[in-house]
Amino acid sequence: MGLTQELPLREKTDGVQTGPVKFGHELKEEQFLFDPSYRNLNHGSFGTIPRFVQAKLRSFQDRAEARPDPFIRYEYPKLLDESREAVAKLLRVPTETAVFVPNATAGVNTVLRNIVWNADGKDEILYFDTIYGGCARTIDYVIEDRQGLVSSRCITLAYPCEDAAVLEAFESAVQASKDAGKRPRLCLFDVVSSLPGVRFPFEDVTAACRKASILSLIDGAQGIGMVDLDLGAVDPDFFVSNCHKWLHVPRGCAVFYVPLRNQPLIRSTLPTSHGFVPRAAGEKRFNPLPPSAKSEFVNNFEFVGTVDNSPYLCVKDGIKWREEVLGGEKRIIDALTALAREGGQKVADILGTEVLDNASQSLTRCSMVNVALPLPESLESDKSDVINWILRTLIDEYKTFVALYFYRGRFWARLSAQVYLELDDFEWAGQTLKTVCERAAKGEYKQ
């Protein structure tokens, strides 16, 4: 039975289905799990799943509880391969290059902790100042842990800027690294940055890395399900993307892509699994799992200790639901990009401010939008208190959440578009943010 028979759809004429489901509030009420009083304007942080995927998740968990050993040892690997195949097809890469990790941060850690840095201490990690904080701290840890073997270089961006300026900043950093006697070895960058939530020209930077013989590590925490990804064409050295944000897959699940040429560089999972194969000859250790003919790389990631891996098994179901119910990736991505742009401009008009974008609108070619808040510069010294007060007020009094941050001298709000939202959600958000900002400007955050 297909999903069109399992789930009710809304666009019907005389009871006959006429096309993919209509996006908006009816879809939210019918197929999502939200508290009716809550408006989810921050899909970009934690995502959510439809009822259909929740049912699939629970069915896998039930099967694991009904027959733990048969399911985990023998059935799970086959089901996992189905999800690996589905996500690899979506990314347009071979199945043997795609595995799963709990989240994008785990994938970034896996790469940075596996790279063998040269003993001369000249290796350098390049990264942009807009990368996710946990990834920046991972770089700090690796530098500290490797005790002088590797250093880092931060590339500063000033949004809004055009993609060409990002590429120019990267190339300048590469040259500065070489001029300092360093060896730029790896560059970490985003698909869509977190704060500000803007699309990053990852395709061009990947090509520039390849030209400069620098390993490209793409953090696509905001990526799959939100942006069209043809990894076969982009050809990064390493790529990780959270499926639980925009692909309607349960938390936590991220696809980790490593092309065949680089799989020998990823020696261990985090933590090290039964699939690890030491280079040095030594004691042959017993593996309690069933024998497998899969590659060393795939075996490494198939079973990394006992945790609930049910979200991994739901990837194929999330993709199928998006295809059969929502109308496919292109329809979803096009609609959410349009809603984010129109909704963001509506919020900006209400607030009397502006959307963070450039002339080519490349920054808003995604499902998130950033709008400046009408807060005076005098509040900068209290920015943490102001932001925290607004966030709590939005939750406690308005039953919503909007990601807030301070960037280049201004307060900003990051809003997410999704298939369960409509333009009036953004209008409501604009009016709500206006009211709360007025209260903060009068000093209510101090009370």
Protein backbone atom coordinates (compact mmCIF):
# COMPACT_ATOMS: atom_id res chain seq x y z
CA MET A 1 0.00 0.00 0.00
CA GLY A 2 1.43 3.41 -1.00
CA LEU A 3 1.44 6.49 1.15
CA THR A 4 -1.37 8.05 -0.85
CA GLN A 5 -3.62 5.28 0.48
CA GLU A 6 -2.17 5.25 4.00
CA LEU A 7 -2.50 9.00 4.61
CA PRO A 8 -5.38 11.38 3.82
CA LEU A 9 -4.54 14.19 1.42
CA ARG A 10 -6.27 17.54 1.16
CA GLU A 11 -6.32 18.67 -2.48
CA LYS A 12 -9.40 16.83 -3.70
CA THR A 13 -12.20 17.51 -6.16
CA ASP A 14 -15.42 15.57 -5.54
CA GLY A 15 -13.47 13.27 -3.27
CA VAL A 16 -10.83 12.46 -5.92
CA GLN A 17 -7.18 13.26 -5.32
CA THR A 18 -6.06 15.89 -7.86
CA GLY A 19 -2.42 16.49 -6.92
CA PRO A 20 0.12 16.65 -4.12
CA VAL A 21 -1.07 17.83 -0.74
CA LYS A 22 -1.53 21.56 -0.19
CA PHE A 23 1.08 23.05 2.11
CA GLY A 24 -0.05 25.00 5.15
CA HIS A 25 -2.21 24.78 8.24
CA GLU A 26 -4.45 21.89 7.14
CA LEU A 27 -1.35 19.80 6.52
CA LYS A 28 -0.05 20.80 9.95
CA GLU A 29 -3.26 19.77 11.70
CA GLU A 30 -3.64 16.53 9.78
CA GLN A 31 -0.14 15.14 9.64
CA PHE A 32 2.08 16.80 12.24
CA LEU A 33 2.35 16.47 16.00
CA PHE A 34 2.37 20.06 17.20
CA ASP A 35 0.50 21.41 20.18
CA PRO A 36 -2.37 23.31 18.49
CA SER A 37 -1.44 26.44 20.45
CA TYR A 38 2.24 26.39 19.36
CA ARG A 39 3.65 28.07 16.25
CA ASN A 40 6.89 26.45 15.16
CA LEU A 41 8.90 29.17 13.44
CA ASN A 42 12.27 27.60 14.26
CA HIS A 43 12.31 24.38 12.27
CA GLY A 44 16.01 24.98 11.58
CA SER A 45 17.16 24.03 15.05
CA PHE A 46 15.55 20.67 15.75
CA GLY A 47 13.21 19.83 12.88
CA THR A 48 10.12 17.66 13.35
CA ILE A 49 8.43 14.60 11.85
CA PRO A 50 4.98 13.81 10.47
CA ARG A 51 2.72 11.23 12.06
CA PHE A 52 3.55 8.70 9.36
CA VAL A 53 7.28 8.79 10.14
CA GLN A 54 6.57 8.66 13.88
CA ALA A 55 4.59 5.47 13.30
CA LYS A 56 7.50 3.99 11.36
CA LEU A 57 9.92 4.97 14.13
CA ARG A 58 7.81 3.26 16.77
CA SER A 59 7.40 0.15 14.63
CA PHE A 60 11.18 -0.25 14.41
CA GLN A 61 11.50 0.29 18.15
CA ASP A 62 8.76 -2.25 18.79
CA ARG A 63 10.52 -4.81 16.60
CA ALA A 64 13.78 -4.25 18.49
CA GLU A 65 12.01 -4.84 21.80
CA ALA A 66 10.08 -7.88 20.56
CA ARG A 67 13.17 -9.78 19.40
CA PRO A 68 16.30 -7.81 20.37
CA ASP A 69 19.06 -10.10 19.08
CA PRO A 70 17.46 -11.20 15.81
CA PHE A 71 16.45 -7.64 14.99
CA ILE A 72 19.66 -5.80 15.98
CA ARG A 73 22.09 -8.39 14.65
CA TYR A 74 20.37 -9.58 11.47
CA GLU A 75 17.40 -7.44 10.44
CA TYR A 76 18.76 -4.00 11.30
CA PRO A 77 21.76 -4.12 8.89
CA LYS A 78 19.48 -4.91 5.94
CA LEU A 79 17.04 -2.14 6.86
CA LEU A 80 19.95 0.24 7.34
CA ASP A 81 21.18 -0.54 3.82
CA GLU A 82 17.75 0.42 2.46
CA SER A 83 18.04 3.86 4.08
CA ARG A 84 21.63 4.23 2.90
CA GLU A 85 20.52 3.45 -0.63
CA ALA A 86 17.63 5.93 -0.46
CA VAL A 87 19.73 8.80 0.88
CA ALA A 88 22.59 8.08 -1.53
CA LYS A 89 20.15 8.29 -4.44
CA LEU A 90 18.89 11.63 -3.15
CA LEU A 91 22.47 12.94 -2.91
CA ARG A 92 23.37 11.35 -6.27
CA VAL A 93 26.30 9.34 -4.96
CA PRO A 94 27.10 5.61 -4.72
CA THR A 95 25.52 3.79 -1.79
CA GLU A 96 28.91 2.58 -0.55
CA THR A 97 29.91 6.21 0.14
CA ALA A 98 27.00 6.99 2.50
CA VAL A 99 26.67 5.99 6.16
CA PHE A 100 24.89 7.48 9.18
CA VAL A 101 26.09 9.27 12.31
CA PRO A 102 23.97 10.84 15.10
CA ASN A 103 24.38 14.46 13.96
CA ALA A 104 26.48 16.78 11.85
CA THR A 105 28.76 17.69 14.75
CA ALA A 106 29.61 14.00 15.18
CA GLY A 107 30.51 13.81 11.50
CA VAL A 108 32.77 16.86 11.68
CA ASN A 109 34.44 15.41 14.79
CA THR A 110 34.94 12.09 13.02
CA VAL A 111 36.85 13.74 10.20
CA LEU A 112 38.95 16.14 12.28
CA ARG A 113 39.94 13.45 14.78
CA ASN A 114 40.88 10.96 12.07
CA ILE A 115 43.10 13.19 9.94
CA VAL A 116 46.78 12.43 10.50
CA TRP A 117 48.58 15.76 10.70
CA ASN A 118 52.13 16.13 9.44
CA ALA A 119 54.89 16.03 12.03
CA ASP A 120 56.47 19.32 10.90
CA GLY A 121 53.66 21.35 12.52
CA LYS A 122 52.86 23.30 9.35
CA ASP A 123 49.35 21.95 8.73
CA GLU A 124 46.55 24.47 9.09
CA ILE A 125 42.77 24.19 9.28
CA LEU A 126 40.87 27.00 7.56
CA TYR A 127 37.33 27.88 8.62
CA PHE A 128 34.88 30.75 8.33
CA ASP A 129 33.77 32.82 11.31
CA THR A 130 30.14 31.84 10.67
CA ILE A 131 30.59 28.09 11.26
CA TYR A 132 28.62 26.38 14.01
CA GLY A 133 30.05 26.98 17.48
CA GLY A 134 30.42 23.29 18.31
CA CYS A 135 32.49 22.78 15.17
CA ALA A 136 34.68 25.78 15.97
CA ARG A 137 35.31 24.33 19.42
CA THR A 138 36.18 20.99 17.83
CA ILE A 139 38.91 22.75 15.88
CA ASP A 140 40.13 24.29 19.16
CA TYR A 141 40.21 20.85 20.77
CA VAL A 142 42.09 19.22 17.89
CA ILE A 143 44.73 21.95 17.97
CA GLU A 144 45.11 21.54 21.73
CA ASP A 145 45.12 17.74 21.59
CA ARG A 146 47.65 17.49 18.76
CA GLN A 147 50.07 19.75 20.64
CA GLY A 148 51.54 21.89 17.91
CA LEU A 149 51.02 19.61 14.93
CA VAL A 150 48.23 21.74 13.49
CA SER A 151 47.00 25.33 13.71
CA SER A 152 43.90 27.14 12.49
CA ARG A 153 43.06 30.26 10.51
CA CYS A 154 39.68 32.00 10.72
CA ILE A 155 38.27 33.62 7.58
CA THR A 156 36.13 36.63 8.43
CA LEU A 157 33.01 37.40 6.39
CA ALA A 158 30.86 40.52 6.44
CA TYR A 159 27.30 39.71 5.42
CA PRO A 160 25.54 40.75 3.33
CA CYS A 161 28.17 40.05 0.67
CA GLU A 162 28.13 38.39 -2.72
CA ASP A 163 29.36 34.83 -3.23
CA ALA A 164 32.38 36.16 -5.11
CA ALA A 165 33.51 37.97 -1.96
CA VAL A 166 33.36 34.68 0.00
CA LEU A 167 35.50 32.98 -2.59
CA GLU A 168 37.94 35.89 -2.60
CA ALA A 169 38.21 35.74 1.20
CA PHE A 170 38.98 32.02 1.00
CA GLU A 171 41.69 32.49 -1.63
CA SER A 172 43.25 35.33 0.37
CA ALA A 173 43.33 33.13 3.47
CA VAL A 174 45.03 30.33 1.54
CA GLN A 175 47.72 32.71 0.37
CA ALA A 176 48.12 34.21 3.85
CA SER A 177 48.56 30.73 5.26
CA LYS A 178 51.28 29.92 2.76
CA ASP A 179 52.97 33.29 3.30
CA ALA A 180 53.14 32.46 7.02
CA GLY A 181 55.00 29.26 6.23
CA LYS A 182 51.93 27.10 6.85
CA ARG A 183 50.34 24.34 4.80
CA PRO A 184 46.57 24.88 4.38
CA ARG A 185 45.42 21.28 4.73
CA LEU A 186 41.67 21.33 5.27
CA CYS A 187 38.83 23.85 5.10
CA LEU A 188 35.56 23.52 7.04
CA PHE A 189 32.50 25.36 5.71
CA ASP A 190 28.70 25.18 5.57
CA VAL A 191 25.89 24.55 3.11
CA VAL A 192 23.67 26.98 4.98
CA SER A 193 25.20 28.75 7.94
CA SER A 194 23.44 28.67 11.28
CA LEU A 195 23.72 32.28 12.51
CA PRO A 196 23.16 34.12 10.30
CA GLY A 197 21.07 31.52 8.49
CA VAL A 198 22.24 32.19 4.94
CA ARG A 199 23.15 29.97 2.02
CA PHE A 200 26.89 29.53 1.62
CA PRO A 201 28.50 29.08 -1.83
CA PHE A 202 29.71 25.60 -0.91
CA GLU A 203 29.95 24.44 -4.51
CA ASP A 204 32.43 27.18 -5.46
CA VAL A 205 34.48 26.84 -2.28
CA THR A 206 34.67 23.08 -2.77
CA ALA A 207 36.03 23.61 -6.28
CA ALA A 208 38.51 26.17 -4.94
CA CYS A 209 39.67 23.67 -2.29
CA ARG A 210 40.23 21.03 -4.94
CA LYS A 211 42.22 23.48 -7.08
CA ALA A 212 44.41 24.36 -4.08
CA SER A 213 44.83 20.68 -3.00
CA ILE A 214 43.00 21.37 0.26
CA LEU A 215 40.60 18.85 1.79
CA SER A 216 37.02 20.13 1.80
CA LEU A 217 34.87 19.31 4.84
CA ILE A 218 31.27 20.46 4.36
CA ASP A 219 29.06 20.86 7.42
CA GLY A 220 25.59 20.50 5.93
CA ALA A 221 23.80 20.56 9.28
CA GLN A 222 21.30 22.74 7.41
CA GLY A 223 21.38 21.02 4.05
CA ILE A 224 19.62 17.88 2.90
CA GLY A 225 15.91 18.47 2.39
CA MET A 226 16.44 22.23 2.26
CA VAL A 227 18.90 22.70 -0.62
CA ASP A 228 19.31 20.69 -3.80
CA LEU A 229 22.47 18.63 -3.24
CA ASP A 230 24.27 16.92 -6.11
CA LEU A 231 27.33 15.64 -4.28
CA GLY A 232 28.40 13.62 -7.28
CA ALA A 233 28.89 16.88 -9.16
CA VAL A 234 30.17 18.99 -6.26
CA ASP A 235 32.60 16.22 -5.22
CA PRO A 236 33.59 17.29 -1.68
CA ASP A 237 36.18 15.31 0.26
CA PHE A 238 33.86 14.93 3.26
CA PHE A 239 30.22 15.89 3.76
CA VAL A 240 27.76 15.51 6.63
CA SER A 241 24.14 16.66 6.81
CA ASN A 242 21.43 16.34 9.45
CA CYS A 243 18.46 14.37 8.15
CA HIS A 244 16.49 15.30 11.26
CA LYS A 245 16.33 18.99 10.42
CA TRP A 246 14.82 19.36 6.96
CA LEU A 247 14.24 15.80 5.70
CA HIS A 248 11.48 14.99 8.22
CA VAL A 249 13.50 12.22 9.88
CA PRO A 250 13.54 11.61 13.67
CA ARG A 251 16.34 13.06 15.80
CA GLY A 252 19.25 12.30 15.68
CA CYS A 253 20.33 11.18 12.27
CA ALA A 254 22.85 12.60 9.83
CA VAL A 255 24.16 11.23 6.56
CA PHE A 256 27.96 11.08 6.39
CA TYR A 257 29.40 10.98 2.87
CA VAL A 258 32.99 10.02 2.17
CA PRO A 259 34.04 9.26 -1.42
CA LEU A 260 35.92 6.04 -2.01
CA ARG A 261 39.23 7.87 -2.45
CA ASN A 262 39.08 9.24 1.11
CA GLN A 263 37.61 6.32 3.03
CA PRO A 264 41.08 5.06 4.04
CA LEU A 265 41.53 8.39 5.90
CA ILE A 266 38.56 7.66 8.19
CA ARG A 267 40.13 4.98 10.36
CA SER A 268 37.68 5.00 13.26
CA THR A 269 34.17 5.91 14.22
CA LEU A 270 33.43 7.84 17.42
CA PRO A 271 33.59 5.78 19.56
CA THR A 272 35.65 3.09 17.83
CA SER A 273 33.43 0.22 16.69
CA HIS A 274 33.81 -3.52 16.13
CA GLY A 275 34.45 -2.66 12.48
CA PHE A 276 37.84 -1.06 13.15
CA VAL A 277 40.70 -2.87 11.42
CA PRO A 278 44.18 -2.10 12.85
CA ARG A 279 46.95 -1.49 10.36
CA ALA A 280 49.54 -3.29 12.48
CA ALA A 281 49.42 -7.06 12.72
CA GLY A 282 48.50 -8.22 16.19
CA GLU A 283 45.94 -10.12 18.15
CA LYS A 284 42.89 -11.02 16.09
CA ARG A 285 39.99 -9.72 18.11
CA PHE A 286 36.64 -11.46 18.29
CA ASN A 287 33.73 -9.71 16.59
CA PRO A 288 30.37 -10.80 18.07
CA LEU A 289 28.42 -9.47 15.08
CA PRO A 290 27.46 -11.56 12.03
CA PRO A 291 30.11 -11.72 9.27
CA SER A 292 29.75 -9.17 6.49
CA ALA A 293 31.09 -8.77 2.98
CA LYS A 294 30.64 -4.98 3.05
CA SER A 295 33.55 -2.56 2.83
CA GLU A 296 35.68 -1.70 5.85
CA PHE A 297 34.23 1.83 5.81
CA VAL A 298 30.59 0.66 5.82
CA ASN A 299 31.27 -2.00 8.45
CA ASN A 300 32.90 0.60 10.67
CA PHE A 301 29.74 2.71 10.84
CA GLU A 302 27.09 0.00 10.75
CA PHE A 303 27.08 -0.71 14.50
CA VAL A 304 28.78 1.80 16.83
CA GLY A 305 27.73 0.57 20.25
CA THR A 306 24.20 0.04 21.55
CA VAL A 307 22.01 3.10 21.04
CA ASP A 308 18.57 3.53 19.49
CA ASN A 309 19.40 3.61 15.78
CA SER A 310 15.74 3.59 14.73
CA PRO A 311 15.98 7.12 13.28
CA TYR A 312 18.50 5.83 10.71
CA LEU A 313 15.96 3.28 9.50
CA CYS A 314 13.33 6.00 8.98
CA VAL A 315 15.32 7.88 6.35
CA LYS A 316 13.84 5.90 3.47
CA ASP A 317 10.35 6.49 4.88
CA GLY A 318 10.91 10.23 5.29
CA ILE A 319 12.11 10.47 1.70
CA LYS A 320 9.16 8.40 0.45
CA TRP A 321 6.67 10.52 2.40
CA ARG A 322 8.14 13.69 0.93
CA GLU A 323 7.93 12.23 -2.55
CA GLU A 324 4.44 10.69 -2.45
CA VAL A 325 2.67 13.13 -0.14
CA LEU A 326 4.50 16.45 -0.52
CA GLY A 327 5.26 16.10 -4.23
CA GLY A 328 9.01 15.64 -4.22
CA GLU A 329 12.15 17.55 -3.35
CA LYS A 330 11.94 20.23 -6.04
CA ARG A 331 8.39 21.19 -5.13
CA ILE A 332 9.28 21.34 -1.44
CA ILE A 333 12.51 23.31 -1.84
CA ASP A 334 11.00 25.79 -4.32
CA ALA A 335 7.96 26.41 -2.12
CA LEU A 336 9.94 26.88 1.09
CA THR A 337 12.45 29.22 -0.53
CA ALA A 338 9.59 31.34 -1.87
CA LEU A 339 7.79 31.36 1.49
CA ALA A 340 10.95 32.28 3.39
CA ARG A 341 11.62 35.20 1.07
CA GLU A 342 8.05 36.49 1.01
CA GLY A 343 7.54 35.88 4.71
CA GLY A 344 10.85 37.47 5.65
CA GLN A 345 10.01 40.60 3.67
CA LYS A 346 6.61 40.75 5.32
CA VAL A 347 8.24 40.63 8.78
CA ALA A 348 10.75 43.30 7.75
CA ASP A 349 7.95 45.56 6.51
CA ILE A 350 6.08 45.21 9.80
CA LEU A 351 9.23 45.91 11.82
CA GLY A 352 10.40 48.71 9.54
CA THR A 353 13.77 47.00 9.06
CA GLU A 354 15.34 44.80 6.40
CA VAL A 355 16.12 41.24 5.35
CA LEU A 356 19.74 40.10 5.37
CA ASP A 357 20.37 39.50 1.67
CA ASN A 358 22.63 40.54 -1.19
CA ALA A 359 21.82 41.94 -4.63
CA SER A 360 21.81 38.51 -6.28
CA GLN A 361 19.60 37.06 -3.50
CA SER A 362 21.96 34.12 -3.15
CA LEU A 363 21.87 34.37 0.66
CA THR A 364 18.14 33.64 0.75
CA ARG A 365 18.25 30.70 -1.65
CA CYS A 366 17.21 28.43 1.20
CA SER A 367 14.38 27.89 3.68
CA MET A 368 15.53 30.35 6.35
CA VAL A 369 15.47 34.12 6.42
CA ASN A 370 17.10 36.70 8.70
CA VAL A 371 15.34 39.95 9.60
CA ALA A 372 16.84 42.87 11.54
CA LEU A 373 15.06 43.76 14.76
CA PRO A 374 14.08 47.36 15.65
CA LEU A 375 16.17 47.51 18.82
CA PRO A 376 18.36 50.53 19.63
CA GLU A 377 22.15 50.32 19.53
CA SER A 378 22.19 51.34 23.19
CA LEU A 379 21.10 47.81 24.12
CA GLU A 380 24.28 46.24 22.71
CA SER A 381 26.00 46.24 26.11
CA ASP A 382 23.06 44.18 27.46
CA LYS A 383 22.62 42.06 24.34
CA SER A 384 22.72 38.69 26.10
CA ASP A 385 20.13 39.78 28.67
CA VAL A 386 17.92 41.28 25.96
CA ILE A 387 18.05 38.19 23.75
CA ASN A 388 17.40 35.79 26.63
CA TRP A 389 14.47 37.87 27.88
CA ILE A 390 12.89 38.00 24.42
CA LEU A 391 13.33 34.25 23.93
CA ARG A 392 11.68 33.45 27.27
CA THR A 393 8.89 35.92 26.57
CA LEU A 394 8.19 34.39 23.17
CA ILE A 395 7.93 30.94 24.74
CA ASP A 396 6.02 31.85 27.90
CA GLU A 397 3.60 34.45 26.57
CA TYR A 398 3.31 33.81 22.84
CA LYS A 399 3.94 30.05 22.56
CA THR A 400 6.56 30.29 19.86
CA PHE A 401 10.31 30.44 19.40
CA VAL A 402 12.41 32.48 16.97
CA ALA A 403 16.19 32.14 16.85
CA LEU A 404 17.74 35.49 17.85
CA TYR A 405 21.33 36.67 17.64
CA PHE A 406 23.52 39.76 17.51
CA TYR A 407 25.57 40.28 14.34
CA ARG A 408 27.64 43.24 13.14
CA GLY A 409 26.09 45.75 15.51
CA ARG A 410 22.46 44.69 15.13
CA PHE A 411 19.94 42.31 16.63
CA TRP A 412 18.53 39.75 14.17
CA ALA A 413 15.77 37.15 14.05
CA ARG A 414 16.12 33.95 12.01
CA LEU A 415 12.83 32.44 10.87
CA SER A 416 12.23 29.08 9.16
CA ALA A 417 9.76 28.30 6.40
CA GLN A 418 8.16 24.86 6.37
CA VAL A 419 5.40 22.93 4.64
CA TYR A 420 3.07 23.39 7.64
CA LEU A 421 3.37 27.21 7.67
CA GLU A 422 1.62 29.95 5.71
CA LEU A 423 2.29 33.62 5.08
CA ASP A 424 0.04 34.66 7.95
CA ASP A 425 2.40 32.87 10.35
CA PHE A 426 5.09 35.32 9.29
CA GLU A 427 2.68 38.25 9.61
CA TRP A 428 1.89 37.10 13.15
CA ALA A 429 5.60 36.72 13.88
CA GLY A 430 6.26 40.24 12.65
CA GLN A 431 3.58 41.75 14.88
CA THR A 432 4.73 39.65 17.85
CA LEU A 433 8.39 40.60 17.42
CA LYS A 434 7.41 44.25 17.09
CA THR A 435 5.53 44.17 20.38
CA VAL A 436 8.25 42.31 22.25
CA CYS A 437 10.99 44.57 20.88
CA GLU A 438 9.05 47.63 22.00
CA ARG A 439 8.82 46.14 25.49
CA ALA A 440 12.54 45.37 25.54
CA ALA A 441 13.41 48.87 24.35
CA LYS A 442 11.48 50.29 27.31
CA GLY A 443 13.67 48.26 29.64
CA GLU A 444 11.28 45.47 30.57
CA TYR A 445 14.10 42.93 30.17
CA LYS A 446 15.67 44.36 33.33
CA GLN A 447 12.67 43.62 35.53
